[in-house]
Amino acid sequence: MNQIHKHEKEQFKKLFKQEHFEKFEDRFSVLDAFMQTEQHVTVTELVELLSSKGLLLTPDFVRETLNLLYQFGFAEKNRFDNGVVRYEHKHVGQHHDHMVCTRCRRIFEFRDDTLENLQIKIAATHGFHMLQHKMEIYGICSDCLKERRQVVPLSATKQGEQLIVKGFNGGANARMRLMTMGLRIGDKIEVITNLDKGQVSIAVDQKRYILGRGLAQKVLVEHIRG
């Protein structure tokens, strides 16, 4: 990988000097720091990395330089489910996809040639010539699975999780309200949405239910083992 980075730095020097961009040395410092991290970085994170190296560059300058790196094909821009723009290396002729843990927010890169070839075949069966694609798989990583408690409040779950209702906390009124809604112990449910500090939307037997935050905290659920 170091040889690839060395080649890309040489390409950067050639292209950016050719285009006569101002503050070339500072822009090269941004590229150098960017190439040193194998993470999917935000502008803020890269500013902090540069600052740790004694380079005090403004967020606007770093953002502008990263966008130039994107424009010239040195960087890839991604917006995962939280909408924050993250930049990663783009190496010519190489491609990978992403798995995103919805709990710890870590991003894992992967490549599967069988999957790549299958996508080309699927596109061809529809008379479609694929030029590029992007795959993002959202779930829970192995580390977070180990830490996950067996029974949790519904309010602590994530979108897409498959669960079993194990019990209800709270007084008789809360339990009666949940049962009146049609929620029973043993029901298998799917979390449709669970916005921070907002309502929780679930599906039970293709029926949708909306629970307030307080009520969702009283529903105890267990994750269905995949």
C-alpha atoms as a PDB file:
ATOM      1  CA  MET A   1       0.000   0.000   0.000  1.00  0.00           C
ATOM      2  CA  ASN A   2       2.915   2.382   0.689  1.00  0.00           C
ATOM      3  CA  GLN A   3       3.998   2.058  -2.948  1.00  0.00           C
ATOM      4  CA  ILE A   4       0.465   2.992  -4.061  1.00  0.00           C
ATOM      5  CA  HIS A   5       0.457   6.023  -1.758  1.00  0.00           C
ATOM      6  CA  LYS A   6       3.871   7.102  -3.046  1.00  0.00           C
ATOM      7  CA  HIS A   7       2.606   6.921  -6.623  1.00  0.00           C
ATOM      8  CA  GLU A   8      -0.549   8.882  -5.736  1.00  0.00           C
ATOM      9  CA  LYS A   9       1.477  11.611  -4.024  1.00  0.00           C
ATOM     10  CA  GLU A  10       3.527  11.986  -7.198  1.00  0.00           C
ATOM     11  CA  GLN A  11       0.295  12.188  -9.215  1.00  0.00           C
ATOM     12  CA  PHE A  12      -1.023  14.799  -6.781  1.00  0.00           C
ATOM     13  CA  LYS A  13       2.069  16.979  -7.198  1.00  0.00           C
ATOM     14  CA  LYS A  14       1.850  16.778 -10.967  1.00  0.00           C
ATOM     15  CA  LEU A  15      -1.874  17.535 -11.239  1.00  0.00           C
ATOM     16  CA  PHE A  16      -2.112  20.224  -8.566  1.00  0.00           C
ATOM     17  CA  LYS A  17       0.952  22.120  -9.797  1.00  0.00           C
ATOM     18  CA  GLN A  18      -0.378  21.830 -13.327  1.00  0.00           C
ATOM     19  CA  GLU A  19      -3.650  23.458 -12.193  1.00  0.00           C
ATOM     20  CA  HIS A  20      -1.736  26.175 -10.253  1.00  0.00           C
ATOM     21  CA  PHE A  21      -3.654  25.779  -6.994  1.00  0.00           C
ATOM     22  CA  GLU A  22      -2.635  28.221  -4.287  1.00  0.00           C
ATOM     23  CA  LYS A  23      -1.124  27.040  -0.986  1.00  0.00           C
ATOM     24  CA  PHE A  24       0.194  23.884  -2.620  1.00  0.00           C
ATOM     25  CA  GLU A  25       2.357  22.845   0.354  1.00  0.00           C
ATOM     26  CA  ASP A  26      -0.582  23.053   2.763  1.00  0.00           C
ATOM     27  CA  ARG A  27      -2.749  21.060   0.379  1.00  0.00           C
ATOM     28  CA  PHE A  28      -0.023  18.435   0.091  1.00  0.00           C
ATOM     29  CA  SER A  29       0.050  18.242   3.907  1.00  0.00           C
ATOM     30  CA  VAL A  30      -3.692  17.510   3.859  1.00  0.00           C
ATOM     31  CA  LEU A  31      -3.125  14.711   1.323  1.00  0.00           C
ATOM     32  CA  ASP A  32      -0.208  13.309   3.337  1.00  0.00           C
ATOM     33  CA  ALA A  33      -2.249  13.181   6.562  1.00  0.00           C
ATOM     34  CA  PHE A  34      -5.224  11.745   4.679  1.00  0.00           C
ATOM     35  CA  MET A  35      -3.074   8.969   3.214  1.00  0.00           C
ATOM     36  CA  GLN A  36      -1.701   8.101   6.653  1.00  0.00           C
ATOM     37  CA  THR A  37      -5.107   7.162   8.018  1.00  0.00           C
ATOM     38  CA  GLU A  38      -6.965   4.061   6.881  1.00  0.00           C
ATOM     39  CA  GLN A  39     -10.193   5.318   8.433  1.00  0.00           C
ATOM     40  CA  HIS A  40     -13.251   6.965   6.893  1.00  0.00           C
ATOM     41  CA  VAL A  41     -12.573  10.473   8.165  1.00  0.00           C
ATOM     42  CA  THR A  42     -14.660  13.608   8.527  1.00  0.00           C
ATOM     43  CA  VAL A  43     -13.302  17.097   7.952  1.00  0.00           C
ATOM     44  CA  THR A  44     -13.217  17.652  11.732  1.00  0.00           C
ATOM     45  CA  GLU A  45     -11.260  14.455  12.343  1.00  0.00           C
ATOM     46  CA  LEU A  46      -8.696  15.341   9.693  1.00  0.00           C
ATOM     47  CA  VAL A  47      -8.319  18.878  11.103  1.00  0.00           C
ATOM     48  CA  GLU A  48      -7.598  17.321  14.501  1.00  0.00           C
ATOM     49  CA  LEU A  49      -5.079  14.902  12.968  1.00  0.00           C
ATOM     50  CA  LEU A  50      -3.287  17.771  11.228  1.00  0.00           C
ATOM     51  CA  SER A  51      -3.322  19.782  14.459  1.00  0.00           C
ATOM     52  CA  SER A  52      -1.654  16.877  16.318  1.00  0.00           C
ATOM     53  CA  LYS A  53       1.155  17.172  13.751  1.00  0.00           C
ATOM     54  CA  GLY A  54       1.493  20.905  14.415  1.00  0.00           C
ATOM     55  CA  LEU A  55      -0.366  21.978  11.248  1.00  0.00           C
ATOM     56  CA  LEU A  56      -3.112  24.489  12.069  1.00  0.00           C
ATOM     57  CA  LEU A  57      -5.350  24.574   9.003  1.00  0.00           C
ATOM     58  CA  THR A  58      -8.929  25.834   8.983  1.00  0.00           C
ATOM     59  CA  PRO A  59     -11.837  23.419   8.509  1.00  0.00           C
ATOM     60  CA  ASP A  60     -12.887  25.339   5.378  1.00  0.00           C
ATOM     61  CA  PHE A  61      -9.438  24.897   3.810  1.00  0.00           C
ATOM     62  CA  VAL A  62      -9.320  21.191   4.692  1.00  0.00           C
ATOM     63  CA  ARG A  63     -12.871  20.677   3.359  1.00  0.00           C
ATOM     64  CA  GLU A  64     -11.997  22.490   0.124  1.00  0.00           C
ATOM     65  CA  THR A  65      -8.850  20.383  -0.306  1.00  0.00           C
ATOM     66  CA  LEU A  66     -10.715  17.135   0.384  1.00  0.00           C
ATOM     67  CA  ASN A  67     -13.306  18.112  -2.209  1.00  0.00           C
ATOM     68  CA  LEU A  68     -10.487  18.724  -4.683  1.00  0.00           C
ATOM     69  CA  LEU A  69      -9.104  15.270  -3.831  1.00  0.00           C
ATOM     70  CA  TYR A  70     -12.570  13.895  -4.544  1.00  0.00           C
ATOM     71  CA  GLN A  71     -12.794  15.870  -7.788  1.00  0.00           C
ATOM     72  CA  PHE A  72      -9.410  14.570  -8.978  1.00  0.00           C
ATOM     73  CA  GLY A  73     -10.159  10.968  -7.962  1.00  0.00           C
ATOM     74  CA  PHE A  74      -7.887  10.640  -4.917  1.00  0.00           C
ATOM     75  CA  ALA A  75     -10.766  10.386  -2.423  1.00  0.00           C
ATOM     76  CA  GLU A  76     -14.226   8.871  -2.195  1.00  0.00           C
ATOM     77  CA  LYS A  77     -17.124  10.629  -0.472  1.00  0.00           C
ATOM     78  CA  ASN A  78     -19.612   8.624   1.582  1.00  0.00           C
ATOM     79  CA  ARG A  79     -22.735   9.500   3.529  1.00  0.00           C
ATOM     80  CA  PHE A  80     -23.702   6.565   5.701  1.00  0.00           C
ATOM     81  CA  ASP A  81     -27.026   6.402   7.553  1.00  0.00           C
ATOM     82  CA  ASN A  82     -26.303   9.330   9.889  1.00  0.00           C
ATOM     83  CA  GLY A  83     -25.699  11.643   6.917  1.00  0.00           C
ATOM     84  CA  VAL A  84     -22.213  12.779   7.977  1.00  0.00           C
ATOM     85  CA  VAL A  85     -19.815  13.150   5.026  1.00  0.00           C
ATOM     86  CA  ARG A  86     -16.784  10.873   5.369  1.00  0.00           C
ATOM     87  CA  TYR A  87     -13.804  10.609   3.038  1.00  0.00           C
ATOM     88  CA  GLU A  88     -11.747   7.532   2.254  1.00  0.00           C
ATOM     89  CA  HIS A  89      -8.914   6.664  -0.132  1.00  0.00           C
ATOM     90  CA  LYS A  90      -9.830   5.895  -3.713  1.00  0.00           C
ATOM     91  CA  HIS A  91      -7.250   3.734  -5.459  1.00  0.00           C
ATOM     92  CA  VAL A  92      -7.663   3.410  -9.210  1.00  0.00           C
ATOM     93  CA  GLY A  93      -8.820  -0.068 -10.254  1.00  0.00           C
ATOM     94  CA  GLN A  94      -9.785  -1.116  -6.721  1.00  0.00           C
ATOM     95  CA  HIS A  95     -13.267  -1.403  -5.255  1.00  0.00           C
ATOM     96  CA  HIS A  96     -14.760  -2.432  -1.933  1.00  0.00           C
ATOM     97  CA  ASP A  97     -18.096  -2.270  -0.135  1.00  0.00           C
ATOM     98  CA  HIS A  98     -19.005  -1.417   3.451  1.00  0.00           C
ATOM     99  CA  MET A  99     -20.580  -2.910   6.558  1.00  0.00           C
ATOM    100  CA  VAL A 100     -21.663  -0.379   9.186  1.00  0.00           C
ATOM    101  CA  CYS A 101     -22.318  -1.300  12.816  1.00  0.00           C
ATOM    102  CA  THR A 102     -25.405   0.576  13.993  1.00  0.00           C
ATOM    103  CA  ARG A 103     -24.240   0.396  17.615  1.00  0.00           C
ATOM    104  CA  CYS A 104     -20.567   1.413  17.724  1.00  0.00           C
ATOM    105  CA  ARG A 105     -20.667   3.156  14.286  1.00  0.00           C
ATOM    106  CA  ARG A 106     -17.525   1.362  13.090  1.00  0.00           C
ATOM    107  CA  ILE A 107     -17.197   0.899   9.338  1.00  0.00           C
ATOM    108  CA  PHE A 108     -15.776  -2.319   7.906  1.00  0.00           C
ATOM    109  CA  GLU A 109     -14.567  -2.673   4.322  1.00  0.00           C
ATOM    110  CA  PHE A 110     -14.990  -5.913   2.384  1.00  0.00           C
ATOM    111  CA  ARG A 111     -14.697  -7.283  -1.122  1.00  0.00           C
ATOM    112  CA  ASP A 112     -16.226 -10.466  -2.504  1.00  0.00           C
ATOM    113  CA  ASP A 113     -15.472 -11.403  -6.114  1.00  0.00           C
ATOM    114  CA  THR A 114     -18.429 -13.792  -6.261  1.00  0.00           C
ATOM    115  CA  LEU A 115     -20.738 -10.962  -5.233  1.00  0.00           C
ATOM    116  CA  GLU A 116     -19.116  -8.571  -7.726  1.00  0.00           C
ATOM    117  CA  ASN A 117     -19.608 -11.031 -10.600  1.00  0.00           C
ATOM    118  CA  LEU A 118     -23.188 -11.755  -9.524  1.00  0.00           C
ATOM    119  CA  GLN A 119     -24.064  -8.059  -9.677  1.00  0.00           C
ATOM    120  CA  ILE A 120     -22.695  -7.829 -13.218  1.00  0.00           C
ATOM    121  CA  LYS A 121     -24.775 -10.873 -14.238  1.00  0.00           C
ATOM    122  CA  ILE A 122     -27.935  -9.475 -12.624  1.00  0.00           C
ATOM    123  CA  ALA A 123     -27.446  -6.157 -14.415  1.00  0.00           C
ATOM    124  CA  ALA A 124     -26.875  -7.971 -17.730  1.00  0.00           C
ATOM    125  CA  THR A 125     -30.100  -9.991 -17.388  1.00  0.00           C
ATOM    126  CA  HIS A 126     -31.935  -6.655 -17.287  1.00  0.00           C
ATOM    127  CA  GLY A 127     -30.021  -5.364 -20.315  1.00  0.00           C
ATOM    128  CA  PHE A 128     -28.111  -3.006 -18.044  1.00  0.00           C
ATOM    129  CA  HIS A 129     -24.393  -2.288 -18.339  1.00  0.00           C
ATOM    130  CA  MET A 130     -23.105  -1.592 -14.835  1.00  0.00           C
ATOM    131  CA  LEU A 131     -20.550   1.201 -14.544  1.00  0.00           C
ATOM    132  CA  GLN A 132     -20.317   1.427 -10.780  1.00  0.00           C
ATOM    133  CA  HIS A 133     -22.173   0.408  -7.654  1.00  0.00           C
ATOM    134  CA  LYS A 134     -22.226   0.927  -3.905  1.00  0.00           C
ATOM    135  CA  MET A 135     -23.263  -1.584  -1.258  1.00  0.00           C
ATOM    136  CA  GLU A 136     -23.793  -0.735   2.409  1.00  0.00           C
ATOM    137  CA  ILE A 137     -24.770  -3.449   4.885  1.00  0.00           C
ATOM    138  CA  TYR A 138     -26.081  -2.264   8.261  1.00  0.00           C
ATOM    139  CA  GLY A 139     -26.052  -4.523  11.286  1.00  0.00           C
ATOM    140  CA  ILE A 140     -24.245  -5.286  14.537  1.00  0.00           C
ATOM    141  CA  CYS A 141     -20.542  -6.192  14.616  1.00  0.00           C
ATOM    142  CA  SER A 142     -19.171  -9.219  16.473  1.00  0.00           C
ATOM    143  CA  ASP A 143     -17.779  -7.105  19.338  1.00  0.00           C
ATOM    144  CA  CYS A 144     -21.136  -5.426  19.955  1.00  0.00           C
ATOM    145  CA  LEU A 145     -22.920  -8.782  19.755  1.00  0.00           C
ATOM    146  CA  LYS A 146     -20.727 -10.076  22.586  1.00  0.00           C
ATOM    147  CA  GLU A 147     -21.591  -7.066  24.747  1.00  0.00           C
ATOM    148  CA  ARG A 148     -25.299  -7.102  23.989  1.00  0.00           C
ATOM    149  CA  ARG A 149     -27.456  -7.997  26.966  1.00  0.00           C
ATOM    150  CA  GLN A 150     -29.996 -10.777  26.548  1.00  0.00           C
ATOM    151  CA  VAL A 151     -33.062  -8.747  27.559  1.00  0.00           C
ATOM    152  CA  VAL A 152     -33.250  -4.990  26.877  1.00  0.00           C
ATOM    153  CA  PRO A 153     -35.921  -2.268  26.764  1.00  0.00           C
ATOM    154  CA  LEU A 154     -37.452  -1.756  23.332  1.00  0.00           C
ATOM    155  CA  SER A 155     -36.224   1.856  23.472  1.00  0.00           C
ATOM    156  CA  ALA A 156     -32.593   0.604  23.385  1.00  0.00           C
ATOM    157  CA  THR A 157     -32.959  -1.334  20.129  1.00  0.00           C
ATOM    158  CA  LYS A 158     -32.008  -0.369  16.574  1.00  0.00           C
ATOM    159  CA  GLN A 159     -33.862  -0.131  13.288  1.00  0.00           C
ATOM    160  CA  GLY A 160     -34.123  -3.490  11.532  1.00  0.00           C
ATOM    161  CA  GLU A 161     -33.645  -5.660  14.620  1.00  0.00           C
ATOM    162  CA  GLN A 162     -35.802  -8.765  15.027  1.00  0.00           C
ATOM    163  CA  LEU A 163     -37.017  -9.249  18.598  1.00  0.00           C
ATOM    164  CA  ILE A 164     -39.271 -11.270  20.900  1.00  0.00           C
ATOM    165  CA  VAL A 165     -41.362  -9.572  23.590  1.00  0.00           C
ATOM    166  CA  LYS A 166     -40.303 -11.064  26.934  1.00  0.00           C
ATOM    167  CA  GLY A 167     -42.222  -8.919  29.409  1.00  0.00           C
ATOM    168  CA  PHE A 168     -43.508  -5.535  30.511  1.00  0.00           C
ATOM    169  CA  ASN A 169     -42.197  -3.194  33.189  1.00  0.00           C
ATOM    170  CA  GLY A 170     -44.266  -0.524  34.894  1.00  0.00           C
ATOM    171  CA  GLY A 171     -47.650  -0.527  36.547  1.00  0.00           C
ATOM    172  CA  ALA A 172     -50.914  -2.171  35.626  1.00  0.00           C
ATOM    173  CA  ASN A 173     -52.015   0.798  33.496  1.00  0.00           C
ATOM    174  CA  ALA A 174     -48.964   0.543  31.226  1.00  0.00           C
ATOM    175  CA  ARG A 175     -49.369  -3.207  30.864  1.00  0.00           C
ATOM    176  CA  MET A 176     -53.061  -2.873  30.064  1.00  0.00           C
ATOM    177  CA  ARG A 177     -52.351  -0.154  27.498  1.00  0.00           C
ATOM    178  CA  LEU A 178     -49.784  -2.355  25.732  1.00  0.00           C
ATOM    179  CA  MET A 179     -52.105  -5.340  25.708  1.00  0.00           C
ATOM    180  CA  THR A 180     -54.972  -3.199  24.437  1.00  0.00           C
ATOM    181  CA  MET A 181     -52.734  -2.109  21.560  1.00  0.00           C
ATOM    182  CA  GLY A 182     -52.356  -5.792  20.716  1.00  0.00           C
ATOM    183  CA  LEU A 183     -48.828  -6.366  22.039  1.00  0.00           C
ATOM    184  CA  ARG A 184     -48.405  -9.699  23.834  1.00  0.00           C
ATOM    185  CA  ILE A 185     -45.530 -11.544  25.510  1.00  0.00           C
ATOM    186  CA  GLY A 186     -44.020 -13.911  22.957  1.00  0.00           C
ATOM    187  CA  ASP A 187     -44.816 -11.691  19.955  1.00  0.00           C
ATOM    188  CA  LYS A 188     -42.067 -11.479  17.335  1.00  0.00           C
ATOM    189  CA  ILE A 189     -41.511  -7.870  16.329  1.00  0.00           C
ATOM    190  CA  GLU A 190     -39.340  -5.862  13.951  1.00  0.00           C
ATOM    191  CA  VAL A 191     -38.100  -2.348  14.726  1.00  0.00           C
ATOM    192  CA  ILE A 192     -39.060  -0.076  11.836  1.00  0.00           C
ATOM    193  CA  THR A 193     -37.739   3.205  13.246  1.00  0.00           C
ATOM    194  CA  ASN A 194     -36.229   4.239  16.559  1.00  0.00           C
ATOM    195  CA  LEU A 195     -35.205   7.872  16.468  1.00  0.00           C
ATOM    196  CA  ASP A 196     -33.186   9.359  19.326  1.00  0.00           C
ATOM    197  CA  LYS A 197     -35.544  10.563  22.069  1.00  0.00           C
ATOM    198  CA  GLY A 198     -38.506  10.066  19.717  1.00  0.00           C
ATOM    199  CA  GLN A 199     -41.209   7.507  19.116  1.00  0.00           C
ATOM    200  CA  VAL A 200     -40.508   3.872  18.319  1.00  0.00           C
ATOM    201  CA  SER A 201     -42.261   2.261  15.362  1.00  0.00           C
ATOM    202  CA  ILE A 202     -42.548  -1.529  15.286  1.00  0.00           C
ATOM    203  CA  ALA A 203     -44.218  -4.192  13.149  1.00  0.00           C
ATOM    204  CA  VAL A 204     -46.020  -7.258  14.494  1.00  0.00           C
ATOM    205  CA  ASP A 205     -47.519  -9.654  11.938  1.00  0.00           C
ATOM    206  CA  GLN A 206     -47.378  -6.901   9.279  1.00  0.00           C
ATOM    207  CA  LYS A 207     -49.228  -4.475  11.563  1.00  0.00           C
ATOM    208  CA  ARG A 208     -47.529  -1.235  12.585  1.00  0.00           C
ATOM    209  CA  TYR A 209     -47.519   0.146  16.120  1.00  0.00           C
ATOM    210  CA  ILE A 210     -46.213   3.501  17.349  1.00  0.00           C
ATOM    211  CA  LEU A 211     -44.989   3.687  20.964  1.00  0.00           C
ATOM    212  CA  GLY A 212     -43.940   6.778  22.839  1.00  0.00           C
ATOM    213  CA  ARG A 213     -40.469   6.805  24.375  1.00  0.00           C
ATOM    214  CA  GLY A 214     -41.720   6.179  27.897  1.00  0.00           C
ATOM    215  CA  LEU A 215     -43.892   3.257  26.861  1.00  0.00           C
ATOM    216  CA  ALA A 216     -41.097   1.733  24.754  1.00  0.00           C
ATOM    217  CA  GLN A 217     -38.870   1.707  27.844  1.00  0.00           C
ATOM    218  CA  LYS A 218     -41.395  -0.529  29.582  1.00  0.00           C
ATOM    219  CA  VAL A 219     -41.396  -3.221  26.875  1.00  0.00           C
ATOM    220  CA  LEU A 220     -38.683  -5.836  27.502  1.00  0.00           C
ATOM    221  CA  VAL A 221     -37.429  -7.656  24.432  1.00  0.00           C
ATOM    222  CA  GLU A 222     -34.873 -10.297  23.531  1.00  0.00           C
ATOM    223  CA  HIS A 223     -32.920 -10.409  20.275  1.00  0.00           C
ATOM    224  CA  ILE A 224     -33.679 -13.280  17.946  1.00  0.00           C
ATOM    225  CA  ARG A 225     -30.435 -15.104  17.393  1.00  0.00           C
ATOM    226  CA  GLY A 226     -29.352 -14.967  13.769  1.00  0.00           C
END
